[in-house]
């Protein structure tokens, strides 16, 4: 149940961010649901591999390179999901930062992080 709630929150946030942010395009709510699921799967399977491979760079940048990895996850998601587009790397970076912050805020308010 918590997983479905997180997916629903993420998909709503993807739609809201895409509405206010130029350079991010989401076709409809169904696409946003698919984006939420694909991002979750990418974060489970691909992100740990990228984190391990880029560990020296992450350590040198004191963890800031993880933001780049998050942007790469967003760009990978655009290649997988039709109807979801992010124009540039910098847009993906800003989108991932905003999405992460808003997810943390919403899930802490609703108690979905417990």
PDB file of N, CA and C in Angstrom:
ATOM      1  N   UNK A   1       0.824  -1.197   0.000  1.00  0.00           N
ATOM      2  CA  UNK A   1       0.000   0.000   0.000  1.00  0.00           C
ATOM      3  C   UNK A   1       0.865   1.257   0.000  1.00  0.00           C
ATOM      4  N   UNK A   2       1.959   1.228   0.804  1.00  0.00           N
ATOM      5  CA  UNK A   2       2.847   2.386   0.847  1.00  0.00           C
ATOM      6  C   UNK A   2       3.494   2.624  -0.515  1.00  0.00           C
ATOM      7  N   UNK A   3       3.814   1.523  -1.214  1.00  0.00           N
ATOM      8  CA  UNK A   3       4.437   1.652  -2.530  1.00  0.00           C
ATOM      9  C   UNK A   3       3.490   2.323  -3.518  1.00  0.00           C
ATOM     10  N   UNK A   4       2.233   1.917  -3.507  1.00  0.00           N
ATOM     11  CA  UNK A   4       1.251   2.535  -4.400  1.00  0.00           C
ATOM     12  C   UNK A   4       1.051   4.011  -4.068  1.00  0.00           C
ATOM     13  N   UNK A   5       1.066   4.341  -2.786  1.00  0.00           N
ATOM     14  CA  UNK A   5       0.933   5.729  -2.363  1.00  0.00           C
ATOM     15  C   UNK A   5       2.124   6.553  -2.862  1.00  0.00           C
ATOM     16  N   UNK A   6       3.327   6.006  -2.745  1.00  0.00           N
ATOM     17  CA  UNK A   6       4.525   6.720  -3.215  1.00  0.00           C
ATOM     18  C   UNK A   6       4.491   6.923  -4.722  1.00  0.00           C
ATOM     19  N   UNK A   7       4.050   5.906  -5.462  1.00  0.00           N
ATOM     20  CA  UNK A   7       3.954   6.023  -6.912  1.00  0.00           C
ATOM     21  C   UNK A   7       2.932   7.085  -7.293  1.00  0.00           C
ATOM     22  N   UNK A   8       1.806   7.099  -6.604  1.00  0.00           N
ATOM     23  CA  UNK A   8       0.765   8.100  -6.873  1.00  0.00           C
ATOM     24  C   UNK A   8       1.272   9.508  -6.579  1.00  0.00           C
ATOM     25  N   UNK A   9       1.947   9.684  -5.442  1.00  0.00           N
ATOM     26  CA  UNK A   9       2.507  10.997  -5.088  1.00  0.00           C
ATOM     27  C   UNK A   9       3.540  11.431  -6.123  1.00  0.00           C
ATOM     28  N   UNK A  10       4.415  10.523  -6.501  1.00  0.00           N
ATOM     29  CA  UNK A  10       5.449  10.859  -7.486  1.00  0.00           C
ATOM     30  C   UNK A  10       4.834  11.241  -8.819  1.00  0.00           C
ATOM     31  N   UNK A  11       3.815  10.510  -9.254  1.00  0.00           N
ATOM     32  CA  UNK A  11       3.197  10.832 -10.538  1.00  0.00           C
ATOM     33  C   UNK A  11       2.488  12.189 -10.500  1.00  0.00           C
ATOM     34  N   UNK A  12       1.843  12.502  -9.393  1.00  0.00           N
ATOM     35  CA  UNK A  12       1.206  13.819  -9.260  1.00  0.00           C
ATOM     36  C   UNK A  12       2.261  14.919  -9.278  1.00  0.00           C
ATOM     37  N   UNK A  13       3.363  14.698  -8.572  1.00  0.00           N
ATOM     38  CA  UNK A  13       4.440  15.699  -8.557  1.00  0.00           C
ATOM     39  C   UNK A  13       5.075  15.867  -9.932  1.00  0.00           C
ATOM     40  N   UNK A  14       5.223  14.781 -10.672  1.00  0.00           N
ATOM     41  CA  UNK A  14       5.766  14.879 -12.034  1.00  0.00           C
ATOM     42  C   UNK A  14       4.859  15.748 -12.888  1.00  0.00           C
ATOM     43  N   UNK A  15       3.552  15.543 -12.784  1.00  0.00           N
ATOM     44  CA  UNK A  15       2.613  16.372 -13.545  1.00  0.00           C
ATOM     45  C   UNK A  15       2.680  17.834 -13.139  1.00  0.00           C
ATOM     46  N   UNK A  16       2.717  18.091 -11.841  1.00  0.00           N
ATOM     47  CA  UNK A  16       2.746  19.475 -11.348  1.00  0.00           C
ATOM     48  C   UNK A  16       4.031  20.178 -11.782  1.00  0.00           C
ATOM     49  N   UNK A  17       5.163  19.491 -11.617  1.00  0.00           N
ATOM     50  CA  UNK A  17       6.442  20.103 -12.003  1.00  0.00           C
ATOM     51  C   UNK A  17       6.476  20.364 -13.499  1.00  0.00           C
ATOM     52  N   UNK A  18       5.990  19.411 -14.296  1.00  0.00           N
ATOM     53  CA  UNK A  18       5.986  19.583 -15.751  1.00  0.00           C
ATOM     54  C   UNK A  18       5.091  20.743 -16.167  1.00  0.00           C
ATOM     55  N   UNK A  19       4.034  20.977 -15.407  1.00  0.00           N
ATOM     56  CA  UNK A  19       3.136  22.087 -15.737  1.00  0.00           C
ATOM     57  C   UNK A  19       3.825  23.437 -15.527  1.00  0.00           C
ATOM     58  N   UNK A  20       4.623  23.545 -14.472  1.00  0.00           N
ATOM     59  CA  UNK A  20       5.242  24.818 -14.138  1.00  0.00           C
ATOM     60  C   UNK A  20       6.641  25.001 -14.727  1.00  0.00           C
ATOM     61  N   UNK A  21       7.259  23.941 -15.174  1.00  0.00           N
ATOM     62  CA  UNK A  21       8.653  24.017 -15.621  1.00  0.00           C
ATOM     63  C   UNK A  21       8.721  23.856 -17.137  1.00  0.00           C
ATOM     64  N   UNK A  22       9.281  24.855 -17.786  1.00  0.00           N
ATOM     65  CA  UNK A  22       9.446  24.730 -19.234  1.00  0.00           C
ATOM     66  C   UNK A  22      10.586  23.755 -19.510  1.00  0.00           C
ATOM     67  N   UNK A  23      10.434  22.992 -20.550  1.00  0.00           N
ATOM     68  CA  UNK A  23      11.455  22.006 -20.897  1.00  0.00           C
ATOM     69  C   UNK A  23      11.115  20.603 -20.441  1.00  0.00           C
ATOM     70  N   UNK A  24      10.053  20.454 -19.648  1.00  0.00           N
ATOM     71  CA  UNK A  24       9.590  19.138 -19.221  1.00  0.00           C
ATOM     72  C   UNK A  24       8.169  18.965 -19.735  1.00  0.00           C
ATOM     73  N   UNK A  25       7.938  17.868 -20.456  1.00  0.00           N
ATOM     74  CA  UNK A  25       6.638  17.649 -21.075  1.00  0.00           C
ATOM     75  C   UNK A  25       6.124  16.257 -20.713  1.00  0.00           C
ATOM     76  N   UNK A  26       4.919  16.207 -20.164  1.00  0.00           N
ATOM     77  CA  UNK A  26       4.262  14.945 -19.829  1.00  0.00           C
ATOM     78  C   UNK A  26       2.922  14.935 -20.542  1.00  0.00           C
ATOM     79  N   UNK A  27       2.639  13.857 -21.274  1.00  0.00           N
ATOM     80  CA  UNK A  27       1.428  13.801 -22.094  1.00  0.00           C
ATOM     81  C   UNK A  27       0.158  13.792 -21.252  1.00  0.00           C
ATOM     82  N   UNK A  28       0.088  12.920 -20.247  1.00  0.00           N
ATOM     83  CA  UNK A  28      -1.127  12.811 -19.436  1.00  0.00           C
ATOM     84  C   UNK A  28      -0.794  12.120 -18.114  1.00  0.00           C
ATOM     85  N   UNK A  29      -1.830  11.885 -17.296  1.00  0.00           N
ATOM     86  CA  UNK A  29      -1.610  11.287 -15.981  1.00  0.00           C
ATOM     87  C   UNK A  29      -1.122   9.842 -16.086  1.00  0.00           C
ATOM     88  N   UNK A  30      -1.601   9.112 -17.074  1.00  0.00           N
ATOM     89  CA  UNK A  30      -1.138   7.731 -17.255  1.00  0.00           C
ATOM     90  C   UNK A  30       0.359   7.708 -17.553  1.00  0.00           C
ATOM     91  N   UNK A  31       0.813   8.647 -18.344  1.00  0.00           N
ATOM     92  CA  UNK A  31       2.244   8.746 -18.626  1.00  0.00           C
ATOM     93  C   UNK A  31       3.013   9.078 -17.356  1.00  0.00           C
ATOM     94  N   UNK A  32       2.458   9.957 -16.533  1.00  0.00           N
ATOM     95  CA  UNK A  32       3.114  10.307 -15.272  1.00  0.00           C
ATOM     96  C   UNK A  32       3.201   9.097 -14.343  1.00  0.00           C
ATOM     97  N   UNK A  33       2.171   8.253 -14.339  1.00  0.00           N
ATOM     98  CA  UNK A  33       2.222   7.014 -13.547  1.00  0.00           C
ATOM     99  C   UNK A  33       3.335   6.097 -14.044  1.00  0.00           C
ATOM    100  N   UNK A  34       3.447   5.970 -15.350  1.00  0.00           N
ATOM    101  CA  UNK A  34       4.495   5.127 -15.929  1.00  0.00           C
ATOM    102  C   UNK A  34       5.864   5.711 -15.601  1.00  0.00           C
ATOM    103  N   UNK A  35       5.998   7.035 -15.666  1.00  0.00           N
ATOM    104  CA  UNK A  35       7.264   7.688 -15.316  1.00  0.00           C
ATOM    105  C   UNK A  35       7.639   7.380 -13.870  1.00  0.00           C
ATOM    106  N   UNK A  36       6.670   7.441 -12.964  1.00  0.00           N
ATOM    107  CA  UNK A  36       6.938   7.166 -11.555  1.00  0.00           C
ATOM    108  C   UNK A  36       7.422   5.728 -11.361  1.00  0.00           C
ATOM    109  N   UNK A  37       6.791   4.785 -12.045  1.00  0.00           N
ATOM    110  CA  UNK A  37       7.187   3.381 -11.928  1.00  0.00           C
ATOM    111  C   UNK A  37       8.574   3.154 -12.526  1.00  0.00           C
ATOM    112  N   UNK A  38       8.809   3.713 -13.713  1.00  0.00           N
ATOM    113  CA  UNK A  38      10.103   3.535 -14.372  1.00  0.00           C
ATOM    114  C   UNK A  38      11.219   4.196 -13.564  1.00  0.00           C
ATOM    115  N   UNK A  39      10.978   5.382 -13.030  1.00  0.00           N
ATOM    116  CA  UNK A  39      11.990   6.033 -12.190  1.00  0.00           C
ATOM    117  C   UNK A  39      12.300   5.189 -10.958  1.00  0.00           C
ATOM    118  N   UNK A  40      11.270   4.614 -10.365  1.00  0.00           N
ATOM    119  CA  UNK A  40      11.493   3.741  -9.223  1.00  0.00           C
ATOM    120  C   UNK A  40      12.339   2.533  -9.587  1.00  0.00           C
ATOM    121  N   UNK A  41      12.036   1.909 -10.713  1.00  0.00           N
ATOM    122  CA  UNK A  41      12.808   0.744 -11.157  1.00  0.00           C
ATOM    123  C   UNK A  41      14.247   1.115 -11.512  1.00  0.00           C
ATOM    124  N   UNK A  42      14.425   2.251 -12.187  1.00  0.00           N
ATOM    125  CA  UNK A  42      15.779   2.707 -12.509  1.00  0.00           C
ATOM    126  C   UNK A  42      16.573   2.992 -11.238  1.00  0.00           C
ATOM    127  N   UNK A  43      15.915   3.588 -10.254  1.00  0.00           N
ATOM    128  CA  UNK A  43      16.598   3.887  -8.991  1.00  0.00           C
ATOM    129  C   UNK A  43      16.945   2.624  -8.214  1.00  0.00           C
ATOM    130  N   UNK A  44      16.170   1.566  -8.399  1.00  0.00           N
ATOM    131  CA  UNK A  44      16.462   0.307  -7.714  1.00  0.00           C
ATOM    132  C   UNK A  44      17.581  -0.460  -8.400  1.00  0.00           C
ATOM    133  N   UNK A  45      17.557  -0.534  -9.739  1.00  0.00           N
ATOM    134  CA  UNK A  45      18.465  -1.425 -10.453  1.00  0.00           C
ATOM    135  C   UNK A  45      19.685  -0.739 -11.060  1.00  0.00           C
ATOM    136  N   UNK A  46      19.533   0.423 -11.653  1.00  0.00           N
ATOM    137  CA  UNK A  46      20.624   1.076 -12.384  1.00  0.00           C
ATOM    138  C   UNK A  46      21.414   2.041 -11.517  1.00  0.00           C
ATOM    139  N   UNK A  47      20.743   2.809 -10.680  1.00  0.00           N
ATOM    140  CA  UNK A  47      21.416   3.832  -9.883  1.00  0.00           C
ATOM    141  C   UNK A  47      22.513   3.269  -8.981  1.00  0.00           C
ATOM    142  N   UNK A  48      22.300   2.148  -8.279  1.00  0.00           N
ATOM    143  CA  UNK A  48      23.394   1.630  -7.446  1.00  0.00           C
ATOM    144  C   UNK A  48      24.653   1.279  -8.243  1.00  0.00           C
ATOM    145  N   UNK A  49      24.465   0.792  -9.454  1.00  0.00           N
ATOM    146  CA  UNK A  49      25.614   0.473 -10.305  1.00  0.00           C
ATOM    147  C   UNK A  49      26.362   1.745 -10.668  1.00  0.00           C
ATOM    148  N   UNK A  50      25.624   2.792 -11.049  1.00  0.00           N
ATOM    149  CA  UNK A  50      26.260   4.061 -11.388  1.00  0.00           C
ATOM    150  C   UNK A  50      26.958   4.682 -10.180  1.00  0.00           C
ATOM    151  N   UNK A  51      26.355   4.561  -9.018  1.00  0.00           N
ATOM    152  CA  UNK A  51      26.968   5.116  -7.811  1.00  0.00           C
ATOM    153  C   UNK A  51      28.289   4.423  -7.511  1.00  0.00           C
ATOM    154  N   UNK A  52      28.319   3.107  -7.648  1.00  0.00           N
ATOM    155  CA  UNK A  52      29.560   2.367  -7.394  1.00  0.00           C
ATOM    156  C   UNK A  52      30.620   2.715  -8.435  1.00  0.00           C
ATOM    157  N   UNK A  53      30.221   2.800  -9.693  1.00  0.00           N
ATOM    158  CA  UNK A  53      31.189   3.109 -10.751  1.00  0.00           C
ATOM    159  C   UNK A  53      31.764   4.516 -10.631  1.00  0.00           C
ATOM    160  N   UNK A  54      30.993   5.436 -10.084  1.00  0.00           N
ATOM    161  CA  UNK A  54      31.442   6.826  -9.994  1.00  0.00           C
ATOM    162  C   UNK A  54      31.822   7.218  -8.572  1.00  0.00           C
ATOM    163  N   UNK A  55      32.089   6.234  -7.732  1.00  0.00           N
ATOM    164  CA  UNK A  55      32.399   6.513  -6.334  1.00  0.00           C
ATOM    165  C   UNK A  55      33.579   7.475  -6.146  1.00  0.00           C
ATOM    166  N   UNK A  56      34.685   7.329  -6.895  1.00  0.00           N
ATOM    167  CA  UNK A  56      35.777   8.302  -6.706  1.00  0.00           C
ATOM    168  C   UNK A  56      35.371   9.744  -7.012  1.00  0.00           C
ATOM    169  N   UNK A  57      34.609   9.931  -8.085  1.00  0.00           N
ATOM    170  CA  UNK A  57      34.163  11.277  -8.447  1.00  0.00           C
ATOM    171  C   UNK A  57      33.191  11.810  -7.390  1.00  0.00           C
ATOM    172  N   UNK A  58      32.328  10.933  -6.892  1.00  0.00           N
ATOM    173  CA  UNK A  58      31.371  11.329  -5.859  1.00  0.00           C
ATOM    174  C   UNK A  58      32.096  11.752  -4.590  1.00  0.00           C
ATOM    175  N   UNK A  59      33.124  11.035  -4.226  1.00  0.00           N
ATOM    176  CA  UNK A  59      33.890  11.395  -3.035  1.00  0.00           C
ATOM    177  C   UNK A  59      34.627  12.719  -3.217  1.00  0.00           C
ATOM    178  N   UNK A  60      35.206  12.924  -4.386  1.00  0.00           N
ATOM    179  CA  UNK A  60      35.941  14.169  -4.651  1.00  0.00           C
ATOM    180  C   UNK A  60      35.000  15.373  -4.617  1.00  0.00           C
ATOM    181  N   UNK A  61      33.784  15.197  -5.133  1.00  0.00           N
ATOM    182  CA  UNK A  61      32.825  16.311  -5.158  1.00  0.00           C
ATOM    183  C   UNK A  61      31.962  16.363  -3.906  1.00  0.00           C
ATOM    184  N   UNK A  62      32.318  15.573  -2.905  1.00  0.00           N
ATOM    185  CA  UNK A  62      31.600  15.531  -1.631  1.00  0.00           C
ATOM    186  C   UNK A  62      30.117  15.191  -1.798  1.00  0.00           C
ATOM    187  N   UNK A  63      29.827  14.302  -2.737  1.00  0.00           N
ATOM    188  CA  UNK A  63      28.464  13.825  -2.945  1.00  0.00           C
ATOM    189  C   UNK A  63      27.650  14.590  -3.963  1.00  0.00           C
ATOM    190  N   UNK A  64      28.158  15.702  -4.453  1.00  0.00           N
ATOM    191  CA  UNK A  64      27.381  16.495  -5.410  1.00  0.00           C
ATOM    192  C   UNK A  64      27.190  15.789  -6.745  1.00  0.00           C
ATOM    193  N   UNK A  65      28.082  14.841  -7.048  1.00  0.00           N
ATOM    194  CA  UNK A  65      27.938  14.109  -8.307  1.00  0.00           C
ATOM    195  C   UNK A  65      26.687  13.238  -8.304  1.00  0.00           C
ATOM    196  N   UNK A  66      26.129  12.942  -7.138  1.00  0.00           N
ATOM    197  CA  UNK A  66      24.879  12.189  -7.070  1.00  0.00           C
ATOM    198  C   UNK A  66      23.739  12.941  -7.746  1.00  0.00           C
ATOM    199  N   UNK A  67      23.810  14.267  -7.751  1.00  0.00           N
ATOM    200  CA  UNK A  67      22.804  15.060  -8.478  1.00  0.00           C
ATOM    201  C   UNK A  67      22.885  14.786  -9.976  1.00  0.00           C
ATOM    202  N   UNK A  68      24.103  14.634 -10.478  1.00  0.00           N
ATOM    203  CA  UNK A  68      24.299  14.308 -11.894  1.00  0.00           C
ATOM    204  C   UNK A  68      23.729  12.925 -12.187  1.00  0.00           C
ATOM    205  N   UNK A  69      23.938  11.982 -11.285  1.00  0.00           N
ATOM    206  CA  UNK A  69      23.397  10.638 -11.477  1.00  0.00           C
ATOM    207  C   UNK A  69      21.867  10.679 -11.492  1.00  0.00           C
ATOM    208  N   UNK A  70      21.267  11.493 -10.629  1.00  0.00           N
ATOM    209  CA  UNK A  70      19.807  11.647 -10.646  1.00  0.00           C
ATOM    210  C   UNK A  70      19.323  12.219 -11.973  1.00  0.00           C
ATOM    211  N   UNK A  71      20.051  13.177 -12.518  1.00  0.00           N
ATOM    212  CA  UNK A  71      19.683  13.746 -13.817  1.00  0.00           C
ATOM    213  C   UNK A  71      19.806  12.695 -14.919  1.00  0.00           C
ATOM    214  N   UNK A  72      20.814  11.852 -14.822  1.00  0.00           N
ATOM    215  CA  UNK A  72      20.980  10.770 -15.804  1.00  0.00           C
ATOM    216  C   UNK A  72      19.802   9.801 -15.715  1.00  0.00           C
ATOM    217  N   UNK A  73      19.315   9.541 -14.502  1.00  0.00           N
ATOM    218  CA  UNK A  73      18.144   8.669 -14.337  1.00  0.00           C
ATOM    219  C   UNK A  73      16.916   9.272 -15.022  1.00  0.00           C
ATOM    220  N   UNK A  74      16.754  10.589 -14.900  1.00  0.00           N
ATOM    221  CA  UNK A  74      15.640  11.275 -15.556  1.00  0.00           C
ATOM    222  C   UNK A  74      15.775  11.161 -17.074  1.00  0.00           C
ATOM    223  N   UNK A  75      16.982  11.367 -17.586  1.00  0.00           N
ATOM    224  CA  UNK A  75      17.199  11.282 -19.032  1.00  0.00           C
ATOM    225  C   UNK A  75      16.993   9.859 -19.540  1.00  0.00           C
ATOM    226  N   UNK A  76      17.393   8.862 -18.766  1.00  0.00           N
ATOM    227  CA  UNK A  76      17.119   7.473 -19.149  1.00  0.00           C
ATOM    228  C   UNK A  76      15.616   7.209 -19.193  1.00  0.00           C
ATOM    229  N   UNK A  77      14.915   7.783 -18.259  1.00  0.00           N
ATOM    230  CA  UNK A  77      13.461   7.621 -18.220  1.00  0.00           C
ATOM    231  C   UNK A  77      12.810   8.231 -19.462  1.00  0.00           C
ATOM    232  N   UNK A  78      13.348   9.338 -19.952  1.00  0.00           N
ATOM    233  CA  UNK A  78      12.779   9.948 -21.163  1.00  0.00           C
ATOM    234  C   UNK A  78      12.978   9.049 -22.376  1.00  0.00           C
ATOM    235  N   UNK A  79      14.058   8.268 -22.382  1.00  0.00           N
ATOM    236  CA  UNK A  79      14.308   7.352 -23.497  1.00  0.00           C
ATOM    237  C   UNK A  79      13.377   6.140 -23.435  1.00  0.00           C
ATOM    238  N   UNK A  80      12.959   5.767 -22.236  1.00  0.00           N
ATOM    239  CA  UNK A  80      12.137   4.569 -22.055  1.00  0.00           C
ATOM    240  C   UNK A  80      10.651   4.878 -22.204  1.00  0.00           C
ATOM    241  N   UNK A  81      10.197   5.990 -21.638  1.00  0.00           N
ATOM    242  CA  UNK A  81       8.764   6.300 -21.585  1.00  0.00           C
ATOM    243  C   UNK A  81       8.397   7.267 -22.703  1.00  0.00           C
ATOM    244  N   UNK A  82       7.503   6.844 -23.551  1.00  0.00           N
ATOM    245  CA  UNK A  82       6.988   7.731 -24.583  1.00  0.00           C
ATOM    246  C   UNK A  82       5.994   8.711 -23.972  1.00  0.00           C
ATOM    247  N   UNK A  83       6.013   9.943 -24.410  1.00  0.00           N
ATOM    248  CA  UNK A  83       5.120  10.948 -23.860  1.00  0.00           C
ATOM    249  C   UNK A  83       5.729  11.738 -22.716  1.00  0.00           C
ATOM    250  N   UNK A  84       6.957  11.388 -22.343  1.00  0.00           N
ATOM    251  CA  UNK A  84       7.679  12.124 -21.300  1.00  0.00           C
ATOM    252  C   UNK A  84       8.965  12.621 -21.925  1.00  0.00           C
ATOM    253  N   UNK A  85       9.135  13.936 -21.937  1.00  0.00           N
ATOM    254  CA  UNK A  85      10.308  14.533 -22.559  1.00  0.00           C
ATOM    255  C   UNK A  85      10.917  15.582 -21.645  1.00  0.00           C
ATOM    256  N   UNK A  86      12.246  15.574 -21.585  1.00  0.00           N
ATOM    257  CA  UNK A  86      13.006  16.608 -20.897  1.00  0.00           C
ATOM    258  C   UNK A  86      14.004  17.126 -21.922  1.00  0.00           C
ATOM    259  N   UNK A  87      14.016  18.439 -22.128  1.00  0.00           N
ATOM    260  CA  UNK A  87      14.768  19.015 -23.235  1.00  0.00           C
ATOM    261  C   UNK A  87      16.281  18.903 -23.085  1.00  0.00           C
ATOM    262  N   UNK A  88      16.833  19.299 -21.945  1.00  0.00           N
ATOM    263  CA  UNK A  88      18.282  19.342 -21.794  1.00  0.00           C
ATOM    264  C   UNK A  88      18.718  18.665 -20.500  1.00  0.00           C
ATOM    265  N   UNK A  89      20.030  18.460 -20.391  1.00  0.00           N
ATOM    266  CA  UNK A  89      20.593  17.884 -19.176  1.00  0.00           C
ATOM    267  C   UNK A  89      20.339  18.801 -17.981  1.00  0.00           C
ATOM    268  N   UNK A  90      20.483  20.098 -18.169  1.00  0.00           N
ATOM    269  CA  UNK A  90      20.306  21.042 -17.067  1.00  0.00           C
ATOM    270  C   UNK A  90      18.862  21.070 -16.594  1.00  0.00           C
ATOM    271  N   UNK A  91      17.937  20.915 -17.528  1.00  0.00           N
ATOM    272  CA  UNK A  91      16.526  20.815 -17.156  1.00  0.00           C
ATOM    273  C   UNK A  91      16.283  19.544 -16.349  1.00  0.00           C
ATOM    274  N   UNK A  92      16.901  18.447 -16.772  1.00  0.00           N
ATOM    275  CA  UNK A  92      16.770  17.186 -16.039  1.00  0.00           C
ATOM    276  C   UNK A  92      17.367  17.307 -14.640  1.00  0.00           C
ATOM    277  N   UNK A  93      18.485  18.023 -14.526  1.00  0.00           N
ATOM    278  CA  UNK A  93      19.112  18.220 -13.219  1.00  0.00           C
ATOM    279  C   UNK A  93      18.189  19.017 -12.293  1.00  0.00           C
ATOM    280  N   UNK A  94      17.645  20.106 -12.796  1.00  0.00           N
ATOM    281  CA  UNK A  94      16.734  20.925 -11.995  1.00  0.00           C
ATOM    282  C   UNK A  94      15.452  20.151 -11.666  1.00  0.00           C
ATOM    283  N   UNK A  95      14.933  19.421 -12.644  1.00  0.00           N
ATOM    284  CA  UNK A  95      13.735  18.612 -12.434  1.00  0.00           C
ATOM    285  C   UNK A  95      13.964  17.570 -11.335  1.00  0.00           C
ATOM    286  N   UNK A  96      15.111  16.910 -11.354  1.00  0.00           N
ATOM    287  CA  UNK A  96      15.381  15.874 -10.349  1.00  0.00           C
ATOM    288  C   UNK A  96      15.536  16.476  -8.955  1.00  0.00           C
ATOM    289  N   UNK A  97      16.137  17.649  -8.872  1.00  0.00           N
ATOM    290  CA  UNK A  97      16.281  18.314  -7.573  1.00  0.00           C
ATOM    291  C   UNK A  97      14.910  18.703  -7.024  1.00  0.00           C
ATOM    292  N   UNK A  98      14.093  19.331  -7.864  1.00  0.00           N
ATOM    293  CA  UNK A  98      12.763  19.765  -7.430  1.00  0.00           C
ATOM    294  C   UNK A  98      11.909  18.556  -7.049  1.00  0.00           C
ATOM    295  N   UNK A  99      11.962  17.498  -7.853  1.00  0.00           N
ATOM    296  CA  UNK A  99      11.174  16.303  -7.564  1.00  0.00           C
ATOM    297  C   UNK A  99      11.595  15.675  -6.241  1.00  0.00           C
ATOM    298  N   UNK A 100      12.885  15.589  -5.996  1.00  0.00           N
ATOM    299  CA  UNK A 100      13.369  14.993  -4.742  1.00  0.00           C
ATOM    300  C   UNK A 100      12.941  15.808  -3.527  1.00  0.00           C
ATOM    301  N   UNK A 101      13.071  17.120  -3.623  1.00  0.00           N
ATOM    302  CA  UNK A 101      12.698  17.983  -2.501  1.00  0.00           C
ATOM    303  C   UNK A 101      11.195  17.897  -2.236  1.00  0.00           C
ATOM    304  N   UNK A 102      10.397  17.984  -3.297  1.00  0.00           N
ATOM    305  CA  UNK A 102       8.950  17.929  -3.118  1.00  0.00           C
ATOM    306  C   UNK A 102       8.491  16.565  -2.610  1.00  0.00           C
ATOM    307  N   UNK A 103       9.121  15.489  -3.077  1.00  0.00           N
ATOM    308  CA  UNK A 103       8.787  14.162  -2.557  1.00  0.00           C
ATOM    309  C   UNK A 103       9.066  14.083  -1.067  1.00  0.00           C
ATOM    310  N   UNK A 104      10.200  14.590  -0.654  1.00  0.00           N
ATOM    311  CA  UNK A 104      10.536  14.564   0.770  1.00  0.00           C
ATOM    312  C   UNK A 104       9.531  15.344   1.593  1.00  0.00           C
ATOM    313  N   UNK A 105       9.153  16.522   1.108  1.00  0.00           N
ATOM    314  CA  UNK A 105       8.203  17.360   1.837  1.00  0.00           C
ATOM    315  C   UNK A 105       6.837  16.686   1.915  1.00  0.00           C
ATOM    316  N   UNK A 106       6.321  16.242   0.778  1.00  0.00           N
ATOM    317  CA  UNK A 106       4.977  15.656   0.749  1.00  0.00           C
ATOM    318  C   UNK A 106       4.919  14.361   1.551  1.00  0.00           C
ATOM    319  N   UNK A 107       5.928  13.517   1.420  1.00  0.00           N
ATOM    320  CA  UNK A 107       5.902  12.253   2.131  1.00  0.00           C
ATOM    321  C   UNK A 107       6.107  12.447   3.638  1.00  0.00           C
ATOM    322  N   UNK A 108       6.827  13.468   4.029  1.00  0.00           N
ATOM    323  CA  UNK A 108       6.964  13.718   5.480  1.00  0.00           C
ATOM    324  C   UNK A 108       5.670  14.304   6.055  1.00  0.00           C
ATOM    325  N   UNK A 109       4.968  15.098   5.271  1.00  0.00           N
ATOM    326  CA  UNK A 109       3.698  15.665   5.746  1.00  0.00           C
ATOM    327  C   UNK A 109       2.618  14.581   5.843  1.00  0.00           C
ATOM    328  N   UNK A 110       2.564  13.727   4.819  1.00  0.00           N
ATOM    329  CA  UNK A 110       1.501  12.719   4.788  1.00  0.00           C
ATOM    330  C   UNK A 110       1.841  11.463   5.575  1.00  0.00           C
ATOM    331  N   UNK A 111       3.078  11.354   6.005  1.00  0.00           N
ATOM    332  CA  UNK A 111       3.476  10.161   6.751  1.00  0.00           C
ATOM    333  C   UNK A 111       3.762   8.975   5.850  1.00  0.00           C
ATOM    334  N   UNK A 112       3.943   9.225   4.555  1.00  0.00           N
ATOM    335  CA  UNK A 112       4.205   8.149   3.609  1.00  0.00           C
ATOM    336  C   UNK A 112       5.625   7.621   3.653  1.00  0.00           C
ATOM    337  N   UNK A 113       6.505   8.271   4.412  1.00  0.00           N
ATOM    338  CA  UNK A 113       7.891   7.833   4.493  1.00  0.00           C
ATOM    339  C   UNK A 113       8.138   6.880   5.649  1.00  0.00           C
ATOM    340  N   UNK A 114       7.110   6.541   6.402  1.00  0.00           N
ATOM    341  CA  UNK A 114       7.275   5.652   7.560  1.00  0.00           C
ATOM    342  C   UNK A 114       7.033   4.216   7.188  1.00  0.00           C
TER     343      UNK A 114
END
